[in-house]
Amino acid sequence: MAYSETRIVIGGIAHVPILIVIANFIKGKFGIKTKKVKDTVVKEGKDTVVKEEKVKTIKELSNKLDSIEQKADEVYEKVKKKKKDKKKKKIENN
């Protein structure tokens, strides 16, 4: 027995709310409770201090990475210049 495309689409759409309910049930049973985490951050200052330290560390690492990239660019330019000079010397010697 063949079904029309519209009947198949309607059947699929009818199952979406059921799948959402099942997913939310599983998420509620096994998922992380984000509400408790937010409450503890507001009540306790420890979590916010840790987050601020993490932000500072990330900024420091970002700055170090920028300086490393600049040094790498400088080295690349020096190597490129030396190769260019070697090519000029070879051409002049021939």
PDB file of N, CA and C in Angstrom:
ATOM      1  N   MET A   1       0.842  -1.175   0.000  1.00  0.00           N
ATOM      2  CA  MET A   1       0.000   0.000   0.000  1.00  0.00           C
ATOM      3  C   MET A   1       0.887   1.239   0.000  1.00  0.00           C
ATOM      4  N   ALA A   2       0.703   2.108  -0.966  1.00  0.00           N
ATOM      5  CA  ALA A   2       1.512   3.305  -1.102  1.00  0.00           C
ATOM      6  C   ALA A   2       0.841   4.486  -0.407  1.00  0.00           C
ATOM      7  N   TYR A   3       1.663   5.348   0.203  1.00  0.00           N
ATOM      8  CA  TYR A   3       1.164   6.543   0.861  1.00  0.00           C
ATOM      9  C   TYR A   3       1.610   7.772   0.072  1.00  0.00           C
ATOM     10  N   SER A   4       0.799   8.812   0.101  1.00  0.00           N
ATOM     11  CA  SER A   4       1.181  10.042  -0.584  1.00  0.00           C
ATOM     12  C   SER A   4       2.230  10.791   0.244  1.00  0.00           C
ATOM     13  N   GLU A   5       2.932  11.688  -0.420  1.00  0.00           N
ATOM     14  CA  GLU A   5       3.986  12.434   0.273  1.00  0.00           C
ATOM     15  C   GLU A   5       3.425  13.298   1.396  1.00  0.00           C
ATOM     16  N   THR A   6       2.262  13.891   1.164  1.00  0.00           N
ATOM     17  CA  THR A   6       1.682  14.759   2.195  1.00  0.00           C
ATOM     18  C   THR A   6       1.324  13.966   3.442  1.00  0.00           C
ATOM     19  N   ARG A   7       0.839  12.748   3.255  1.00  0.00           N
ATOM     20  CA  ARG A   7       0.480  11.915   4.398  1.00  0.00           C
ATOM     21  C   ARG A   7       1.731  11.546   5.199  1.00  0.00           C
ATOM     22  N   ILE A   8       2.825  11.275   4.509  1.00  0.00           N
ATOM     23  CA  ILE A   8       4.073  10.940   5.182  1.00  0.00           C
ATOM     24  C   ILE A   8       4.605  12.152   5.949  1.00  0.00           C
ATOM     25  N   VAL A   9       4.553  13.331   5.333  1.00  0.00           N
ATOM     26  CA  VAL A   9       5.032  14.549   5.987  1.00  0.00           C
ATOM     27  C   VAL A   9       4.188  14.863   7.204  1.00  0.00           C
ATOM     28  N   ILE A  10       2.884  14.749   7.085  1.00  0.00           N
ATOM     29  CA  ILE A  10       1.990  15.016   8.217  1.00  0.00           C
ATOM     30  C   ILE A  10       2.254  14.028   9.346  1.00  0.00           C
ATOM     31  N   GLY A  11       2.492  12.783   9.005  1.00  0.00           N
ATOM     32  CA  GLY A  11       2.812  11.775  10.025  1.00  0.00           C
ATOM     33  C   GLY A  11       4.111  12.101  10.738  1.00  0.00           C
ATOM     34  N   GLY A  12       5.100  12.563   9.974  1.00  0.00           N
ATOM     35  CA  GLY A  12       6.364  12.945  10.588  1.00  0.00           C
ATOM     36  C   GLY A  12       6.221  14.141  11.495  1.00  0.00           C
ATOM     37  N   ILE A  13       5.460  15.124  11.044  1.00  0.00           N
ATOM     38  CA  ILE A  13       5.244  16.327  11.849  1.00  0.00           C
ATOM     39  C   ILE A  13       4.481  15.990  13.123  1.00  0.00           C
ATOM     40  N   ALA A  14       3.571  15.039  13.053  1.00  0.00           N
ATOM     41  CA  ALA A  14       2.793  14.640  14.230  1.00  0.00           C
ATOM     42  C   ALA A  14       3.688  14.005  15.286  1.00  0.00           C
ATOM     43  N   HIS A  15       4.787  13.383  14.886  1.00  0.00           N
ATOM     44  CA  HIS A  15       5.665  12.719  15.842  1.00  0.00           C
ATOM     45  C   HIS A  15       6.691  13.668  16.476  1.00  0.00           C
ATOM     46  N   VAL A  16       6.886  14.847  15.908  1.00  0.00           N
ATOM     47  CA  VAL A  16       7.883  15.786  16.432  1.00  0.00           C
ATOM     48  C   VAL A  16       7.591  16.178  17.883  1.00  0.00           C
ATOM     49  N   PRO A  17       6.368  16.558  18.258  1.00  0.00           N
ATOM     50  CA  PRO A  17       6.115  16.913  19.665  1.00  0.00           C
ATOM     51  C   PRO A  17       6.381  15.741  20.616  1.00  0.00           C
ATOM     52  N   ILE A  18       6.079  14.535  20.164  1.00  0.00           N
ATOM     53  CA  ILE A  18       6.338  13.359  21.002  1.00  0.00           C
ATOM     54  C   ILE A  18       7.842  13.206  21.236  1.00  0.00           C
ATOM     55  N   LEU A  19       8.622  13.378  20.178  1.00  0.00           N
ATOM     56  CA  LEU A  19      10.075  13.267  20.304  1.00  0.00           C
ATOM     57  C   LEU A  19      10.639  14.369  21.202  1.00  0.00           C
ATOM     58  N   ILE A  20      10.069  15.563  21.124  1.00  0.00           N
ATOM     59  CA  ILE A  20      10.522  16.667  21.972  1.00  0.00           C
ATOM     60  C   ILE A  20      10.243  16.365  23.440  1.00  0.00           C
ATOM     61  N   VAL A  21       9.078  15.833  23.726  1.00  0.00           N
ATOM     62  CA  VAL A  21       8.728  15.478  25.109  1.00  0.00           C
ATOM     63  C   VAL A  21       9.690  14.420  25.633  1.00  0.00           C
ATOM     64  N   ILE A  22       9.978  13.409  24.826  1.00  0.00           N
ATOM     65  CA  ILE A  22      10.893  12.348  25.252  1.00  0.00           C
ATOM     66  C   ILE A  22      12.295  12.913  25.487  1.00  0.00           C
ATOM     67  N   ALA A  23      12.762  13.779  24.570  1.00  0.00           N
ATOM     68  CA  ALA A  23      14.088  14.371  24.724  1.00  0.00           C
ATOM     69  C   ALA A  23      14.168  15.228  25.985  1.00  0.00           C
ATOM     70  N   ASN A  24      13.139  16.010  26.266  1.00  0.00           N
ATOM     71  CA  ASN A  24      13.131  16.840  27.475  1.00  0.00           C
ATOM     72  C   ASN A  24      13.085  15.987  28.741  1.00  0.00           C
ATOM     73  N   PHE A  25      12.370  14.875  28.693  1.00  0.00           N
ATOM     74  CA  PHE A  25      12.321  13.961  29.835  1.00  0.00           C
ATOM     75  C   PHE A  25      13.707  13.392  30.121  1.00  0.00           C
ATOM     76  N   ILE A  26      14.378  12.937  29.080  1.00  0.00           N
ATOM     77  CA  ILE A  26      15.730  12.379  29.246  1.00  0.00           C
ATOM     78  C   ILE A  26      16.691  13.463  29.721  1.00  0.00           C
ATOM     79  N   LYS A  27      16.574  14.644  29.160  1.00  0.00           N
ATOM     80  CA  LYS A  27      17.437  15.759  29.555  1.00  0.00           C
ATOM     81  C   LYS A  27      17.207  16.108  31.024  1.00  0.00           C
ATOM     82  N   GLY A  28      15.955  16.078  31.460  1.00  0.00           N
ATOM     83  CA  GLY A  28      15.632  16.385  32.844  1.00  0.00           C
ATOM     84  C   GLY A  28      16.167  15.351  33.811  1.00  0.00           C
ATOM     85  N   LYS A  29      16.170  14.103  33.404  1.00  0.00           N
ATOM     86  CA  LYS A  29      16.642  13.036  34.291  1.00  0.00           C
ATOM     87  C   LYS A  29      18.160  12.978  34.364  1.00  0.00           C
ATOM     88  N   PHE A  30      18.837  13.157  33.231  1.00  0.00           N
ATOM     89  CA  PHE A  30      20.273  12.928  33.187  1.00  0.00           C
ATOM     90  C   PHE A  30      21.090  14.185  32.933  1.00  0.00           C
ATOM     91  N   GLY A  31      20.443  15.267  32.574  1.00  0.00           N
ATOM     92  CA  GLY A  31      21.170  16.486  32.216  1.00  0.00           C
ATOM     93  C   GLY A  31      21.677  17.228  33.438  1.00  0.00           C
ATOM     94  N   ILE A  32      22.529  18.201  33.191  1.00  0.00           N
ATOM     95  CA  ILE A  32      23.069  19.036  34.255  1.00  0.00           C
ATOM     96  C   ILE A  32      22.030  20.093  34.606  1.00  0.00           C
ATOM     97  N   LYS A  33      21.870  20.316  35.867  1.00  0.00           N
ATOM     98  CA  LYS A  33      20.914  21.313  36.333  1.00  0.00           C
ATOM     99  C   LYS A  33      21.579  22.687  36.289  1.00  0.00           C
ATOM    100  N   THR A  34      21.288  23.462  35.258  1.00  0.00           N
ATOM    101  CA  THR A  34      21.922  24.767  35.101  1.00  0.00           C
ATOM    102  C   THR A  34      21.375  25.781  36.096  1.00  0.00           C
ATOM    103  N   LYS A  35      20.156  25.597  36.557  1.00  0.00           N
ATOM    104  CA  LYS A  35      19.561  26.540  37.482  1.00  0.00           C
ATOM    105  C   LYS A  35      20.332  26.559  38.805  1.00  0.00           C
ATOM    106  N   LYS A  36      20.731  25.404  39.309  1.00  0.00           N
ATOM    107  CA  LYS A  36      21.470  25.335  40.560  1.00  0.00           C
ATOM    108  C   LYS A  36      22.826  26.012  40.429  1.00  0.00           C
ATOM    109  N   VAL A  37      23.469  25.828  39.306  1.00  0.00           N
ATOM    110  CA  VAL A  37      24.783  26.436  39.097  1.00  0.00           C
ATOM    111  C   VAL A  37      24.668  27.950  39.120  1.00  0.00           C
ATOM    112  N   LYS A  38      23.663  28.493  38.449  1.00  0.00           N
ATOM    113  CA  LYS A  38      23.486  29.946  38.416  1.00  0.00           C
ATOM    114  C   LYS A  38      23.209  30.481  39.818  1.00  0.00           C
ATOM    115  N   ASP A  39      22.395  29.758  40.609  1.00  0.00           N
ATOM    116  CA  ASP A  39      22.086  30.198  41.964  1.00  0.00           C
ATOM    117  C   ASP A  39      23.332  30.218  42.839  1.00  0.00           C
ATOM    118  N   THR A  40      24.177  29.197  42.724  1.00  0.00           N
ATOM    119  CA  THR A  40      25.368  29.156  43.556  1.00  0.00           C
ATOM    120  C   THR A  40      26.352  30.248  43.165  1.00  0.00           C
ATOM    121  N   VAL A  41      26.401  30.590  41.893  1.00  0.00           N
ATOM    122  CA  VAL A  41      27.312  31.651  41.459  1.00  0.00           C
ATOM    123  C   VAL A  41      26.876  32.977  42.066  1.00  0.00           C
ATOM    124  N   VAL A  42      25.583  33.208  42.114  1.00  0.00           N
ATOM    125  CA  VAL A  42      25.083  34.462  42.669  1.00  0.00           C
ATOM    126  C   VAL A  42      25.284  34.489  44.180  1.00  0.00           C
ATOM    127  N   LYS A  43      25.027  33.369  44.859  1.00  0.00           N
ATOM    128  CA  LYS A  43      25.105  33.336  46.314  1.00  0.00           C
ATOM    129  C   LYS A  43      26.546  33.290  46.809  1.00  0.00           C
ATOM    130  N   GLU A  44      27.386  32.483  46.154  1.00  0.00           N
ATOM    131  CA  GLU A  44      28.758  32.320  46.599  1.00  0.00           C
ATOM    132  C   GLU A  44      29.690  33.091  45.675  1.00  0.00           C
ATOM    133  N   GLY A  45      30.654  33.756  46.248  1.00  0.00           N
ATOM    134  CA  GLY A  45      31.594  34.529  45.463  1.00  0.00           C
ATOM    135  C   GLY A  45      32.742  33.700  44.915  1.00  0.00           C
ATOM    136  N   LYS A  46      32.876  32.453  45.375  1.00  0.00           N
ATOM    137  CA  LYS A  46      34.002  31.612  44.965  1.00  0.00           C
ATOM    138  C   LYS A  46      33.992  31.333  43.473  1.00  0.00           C
ATOM    139  N   ASP A  47      32.833  30.999  42.935  1.00  0.00           N
ATOM    140  CA  ASP A  47      32.738  30.650  41.522  1.00  0.00           C
ATOM    141  C   ASP A  47      33.078  31.839  40.634  1.00  0.00           C
ATOM    142  N   THR A  48      32.651  33.026  41.043  1.00  0.00           N
ATOM    143  CA  THR A  48      32.929  34.199  40.221  1.00  0.00           C
ATOM    144  C   THR A  48      34.415  34.538  40.248  1.00  0.00           C
ATOM    145  N   VAL A  49      35.062  34.316  41.388  1.00  0.00           N
ATOM    146  CA  VAL A  49      36.502  34.562  41.485  1.00  0.00           C
ATOM    147  C   VAL A  49      37.251  33.614  40.568  1.00  0.00           C
ATOM    148  N   VAL A  50      36.841  32.355  40.566  1.00  0.00           N
ATOM    149  CA  VAL A  50      37.487  31.364  39.704  1.00  0.00           C
ATOM    150  C   VAL A  50      37.309  31.764  38.240  1.00  0.00           C
ATOM    151  N   LYS A  51      36.112  32.199  37.872  1.00  0.00           N
ATOM    152  CA  LYS A  51      35.859  32.602  36.494  1.00  0.00           C
ATOM    153  C   LYS A  51      36.713  33.803  36.118  1.00  0.00           C
ATOM    154  N   GLU A  52      36.856  34.765  37.034  1.00  0.00           N
ATOM    155  CA  GLU A  52      37.677  35.942  36.749  1.00  0.00           C
ATOM    156  C   GLU A  52      39.131  35.538  36.548  1.00  0.00           C
ATOM    157  N   GLU A  53      39.614  34.578  37.356  1.00  0.00           N
ATOM    158  CA  GLU A  53      40.985  34.104  37.200  1.00  0.00           C
ATOM    159  C   GLU A  53      41.163  33.403  35.862  1.00  0.00           C
ATOM    160  N   LYS A  54      40.158  32.648  35.456  1.00  0.00           N
ATOM    161  CA  LYS A  54      40.229  31.975  34.161  1.00  0.00           C
ATOM    162  C   LYS A  54      40.271  32.986  33.029  1.00  0.00           C
ATOM    163  N   VAL A  55      39.498  34.043  33.151  1.00  0.00           N
ATOM    164  CA  VAL A  55      39.482  35.083  32.122  1.00  0.00           C
ATOM    165  C   VAL A  55      40.852  35.752  32.040  1.00  0.00           C
ATOM    166  N   LYS A  56      41.448  36.049  33.199  1.00  0.00           N
ATOM    167  CA  LYS A  56      42.775  36.664  33.211  1.00  0.00           C
ATOM    168  C   LYS A  56      43.794  35.740  32.561  1.00  0.00           C
ATOM    169  N   THR A  57      43.736  34.459  32.897  1.00  0.00           N
ATOM    170  CA  THR A  57      44.666  33.484  32.322  1.00  0.00           C
ATOM    171  C   THR A  57      44.503  33.401  30.820  1.00  0.00           C
ATOM    172  N   ILE A  58      43.274  33.390  30.352  1.00  0.00           N
ATOM    173  CA  ILE A  58      43.012  33.325  28.912  1.00  0.00           C
ATOM    174  C   ILE A  58      43.556  34.567  28.220  1.00  0.00           C
ATOM    175  N   LYS A  59      43.378  35.736  28.827  1.00  0.00           N
ATOM    176  CA  LYS A  59      43.899  36.969  28.234  1.00  0.00           C
ATOM    177  C   LYS A  59      45.419  36.938  28.163  1.00  0.00           C
ATOM    178  N   GLU A  60      46.066  36.445  29.238  1.00  0.00           N
ATOM    179  CA  GLU A  60      47.522  36.349  29.238  1.00  0.00           C
ATOM    180  C   GLU A  60      48.005  35.414  28.139  1.00  0.00           C
ATOM    181  N   LEU A  61      47.351  34.275  28.018  1.00  0.00           N
ATOM    182  CA  LEU A  61      47.730  33.323  26.978  1.00  0.00           C
ATOM    183  C   LEU A  61      47.521  33.912  25.586  1.00  0.00           C
ATOM    184  N   SER A  62      46.454  34.648  25.437  1.00  0.00           N
ATOM    185  CA  SER A  62      46.176  35.289  24.151  1.00  0.00           C
ATOM    186  C   SER A  62      47.263  36.295  23.801  1.00  0.00           C
ATOM    187  N   ASN A  63      47.682  37.082  24.791  1.00  0.00           N
ATOM    188  CA  ASN A  63      48.755  38.057  24.558  1.00  0.00           C
ATOM    189  C   ASN A  63      50.057  37.360  24.204  1.00  0.00           C
ATOM    190  N   LYS A  64      50.365  36.268  24.907  1.00  0.00           N
ATOM    191  CA  LYS A  64      51.584  35.514  24.609  1.00  0.00           C
ATOM    192  C   LYS A  64      51.526  34.933  23.204  1.00  0.00           C
ATOM    193  N   LEU A  65      50.371  34.440  22.835  1.00  0.00           N
ATOM    194  CA  LEU A  65      50.214  33.879  21.499  1.00  0.00           C
ATOM    195  C   LEU A  65      50.428  34.950  20.433  1.00  0.00           C
ATOM    196  N   ASP A  66      49.903  36.134  20.675  1.00  0.00           N
ATOM    197  CA  ASP A  66      50.106  37.245  19.732  1.00  0.00           C
ATOM    198  C   ASP A  66      51.588  37.574  19.579  1.00  0.00           C
ATOM    199  N   SER A  67      52.306  37.613  20.699  1.00  0.00           N
ATOM    200  CA  SER A  67      53.739  37.929  20.622  1.00  0.00           C
ATOM    201  C   SER A  67      54.499  36.822  19.904  1.00  0.00           C
ATOM    202  N   ILE A  68      54.126  35.578  20.128  1.00  0.00           N
ATOM    203  CA  ILE A  68      54.768  34.461  19.428  1.00  0.00           C
ATOM    204  C   ILE A  68      54.505  34.552  17.933  1.00  0.00           C
ATOM    205  N   GLU A  69      53.292  34.902  17.558  1.00  0.00           N
ATOM    206  CA  GLU A  69      52.963  35.047  16.135  1.00  0.00           C
ATOM    207  C   GLU A  69      53.786  36.168  15.502  1.00  0.00           C
ATOM    208  N   GLN A  70      53.969  37.267  16.217  1.00  0.00           N
ATOM    209  CA  GLN A  70      54.772  38.371  15.693  1.00  0.00           C
ATOM    210  C   GLN A  70      56.219  37.941  15.500  1.00  0.00           C
ATOM    211  N   LYS A  71      56.772  37.225  16.475  1.00  0.00           N
ATOM    212  CA  LYS A  71      58.145  36.742  16.357  1.00  0.00           C
ATOM    213  C   LYS A  71      58.273  35.772  15.191  1.00  0.00           C
ATOM    214  N   ALA A  72      57.283  34.906  15.023  1.00  0.00           N
ATOM    215  CA  ALA A  72      57.308  33.953  13.910  1.00  0.00           C
ATOM    216  C   ALA A  72      57.281  34.685  12.576  1.00  0.00           C
ATOM    217  N   ASP A  73      56.488  35.732  12.485  1.00  0.00           N
ATOM    218  CA  ASP A  73      56.443  36.539  11.255  1.00  0.00           C
ATOM    219  C   ASP A  73      57.794  37.198  10.982  1.00  0.00           C
ATOM    220  N   GLU A  74      58.428  37.715  12.042  1.00  0.00           N
ATOM    221  CA  GLU A  74      59.736  38.338  11.885  1.00  0.00           C
ATOM    222  C   GLU A  74      60.771  37.324  11.385  1.00  0.00           C
ATOM    223  N   VAL A  75      60.767  36.135  11.985  1.00  0.00           N
ATOM    224  CA  VAL A  75      61.705  35.092  11.572  1.00  0.00           C
ATOM    225  C   VAL A  75      61.439  34.692  10.130  1.00  0.00           C
ATOM    226  N   TYR A  76      60.182  34.571   9.777  1.00  0.00           N
ATOM    227  CA  TYR A  76      59.822  34.211   8.402  1.00  0.00           C
ATOM    228  C   TYR A  76      60.354  35.251   7.415  1.00  0.00           C
ATOM    229  N   GLU A  77      60.194  36.515   7.766  1.00  0.00           N
ATOM    230  CA  GLU A  77      60.679  37.580   6.889  1.00  0.00           C
ATOM    231  C   GLU A  77      62.201  37.538   6.759  1.00  0.00           C
ATOM    232  N   LYS A  78      62.906  37.274   7.880  1.00  0.00           N
ATOM    233  CA  LYS A  78      64.360  37.188   7.838  1.00  0.00           C
ATOM    234  C   LYS A  78      64.809  36.033   6.946  1.00  0.00           C
ATOM    235  N   VAL A  79      64.163  34.882   7.098  1.00  0.00           N
ATOM    236  CA  VAL A  79      64.520  33.719   6.283  1.00  0.00           C
ATOM    237  C   VAL A  79      64.249  34.011   4.808  1.00  0.00           C
ATOM    238  N   LYS A  80      63.140  34.638   4.546  1.00  0.00           N
ATOM    239  CA  LYS A  80      62.782  34.987   3.178  1.00  0.00           C
ATOM    240  C   LYS A  80      63.821  35.942   2.577  1.00  0.00           C
ATOM    241  N   LYS A  81      64.251  36.909   3.376  1.00  0.00           N
ATOM    242  CA  LYS A  81      65.246  37.874   2.919  1.00  0.00           C
ATOM    243  C   LYS A  81      66.583  37.184   2.651  1.00  0.00           C
ATOM    244  N   LYS A  82      66.997  36.263   3.536  1.00  0.00           N
ATOM    245  CA  LYS A  82      68.253  35.544   3.346  1.00  0.00           C
ATOM    246  C   LYS A  82      68.215  34.692   2.086  1.00  0.00           C
ATOM    247  N   LYS A  83      67.109  34.038   1.831  1.00  0.00           N
ATOM    248  CA  LYS A  83      66.975  33.230   0.610  1.00  0.00           C
ATOM    249  C   LYS A  83      67.077  34.118  -0.624  1.00  0.00           C
ATOM    250  N   LYS A  84      66.458  35.278  -0.543  1.00  0.00           N
ATOM    251  CA  LYS A  84      66.493  36.216  -1.660  1.00  0.00           C
ATOM    252  C   LYS A  84      67.930  36.689  -1.900  1.00  0.00           C
ATOM    253  N   ASP A  85      68.655  36.978  -0.807  1.00  0.00           N
ATOM    254  CA  ASP A  85      70.045  37.416  -0.927  1.00  0.00           C
ATOM    255  C   ASP A  85      70.919  36.313  -1.526  1.00  0.00           C
ATOM    256  N   LYS A  86      70.690  35.061  -1.123  1.00  0.00           N
ATOM    257  CA  LYS A  86      71.456  33.948  -1.664  1.00  0.00           C
ATOM    258  C   LYS A  86      71.224  33.799  -3.154  1.00  0.00           C
ATOM    259  N   LYS A  87      69.987  33.979  -3.576  1.00  0.00           N
ATOM    260  CA  LYS A  87      69.665  33.881  -5.007  1.00  0.00           C
ATOM    261  C   LYS A  87      70.391  34.988  -5.779  1.00  0.00           C
ATOM    262  N   LYS A  88      70.424  36.191  -5.223  1.00  0.00           N
ATOM    263  CA  LYS A  88      71.114  37.307  -5.884  1.00  0.00           C
ATOM    264  C   LYS A  88      72.609  37.002  -6.020  1.00  0.00           C
ATOM    265  N   LYS A  89      73.206  36.449  -4.956  1.00  0.00           N
ATOM    266  CA  LYS A  89      74.628  36.124  -4.993  1.00  0.00           C
ATOM    267  C   LYS A  89      74.924  35.068  -6.041  1.00  0.00           C
ATOM    268  N   LYS A  90      74.052  34.066  -6.141  1.00  0.00           N
ATOM    269  CA  LYS A  90      74.240  33.010  -7.145  1.00  0.00           C
ATOM    270  C   LYS A  90      74.163  33.595  -8.556  1.00  0.00           C
ATOM    271  N   ILE A  91      73.223  34.478  -8.764  1.00  0.00           N
ATOM    272  CA  ILE A  91      73.049  35.092 -10.086  1.00  0.00           C
ATOM    273  C   ILE A  91      74.267  35.963 -10.405  1.00  0.00           C
ATOM    274  N   GLU A  92      74.767  36.716  -9.428  1.00  0.00           N
ATOM    275  CA  GLU A  92      75.925  37.581  -9.636  1.00  0.00           C
ATOM    276  C   GLU A  92      77.194  36.767  -9.911  1.00  0.00           C
ATOM    277  N   ASN A  93      77.342  35.627  -9.245  1.00  0.00           N
ATOM    278  CA  ASN A  93      78.532  34.790  -9.420  1.00  0.00           C
ATOM    279  C   ASN A  93      78.536  34.087 -10.782  1.00  0.00           C
ATOM    280  N   ASN A  94      77.389  33.833 -11.329  1.00  0.00           N
ATOM    281  CA  ASN A  94      77.322  33.148 -12.627  1.00  0.00           C
ATOM    282  C   ASN A  94      77.457  34.147 -13.696  1.00  0.00           C
TER     283      ASN A  94
END
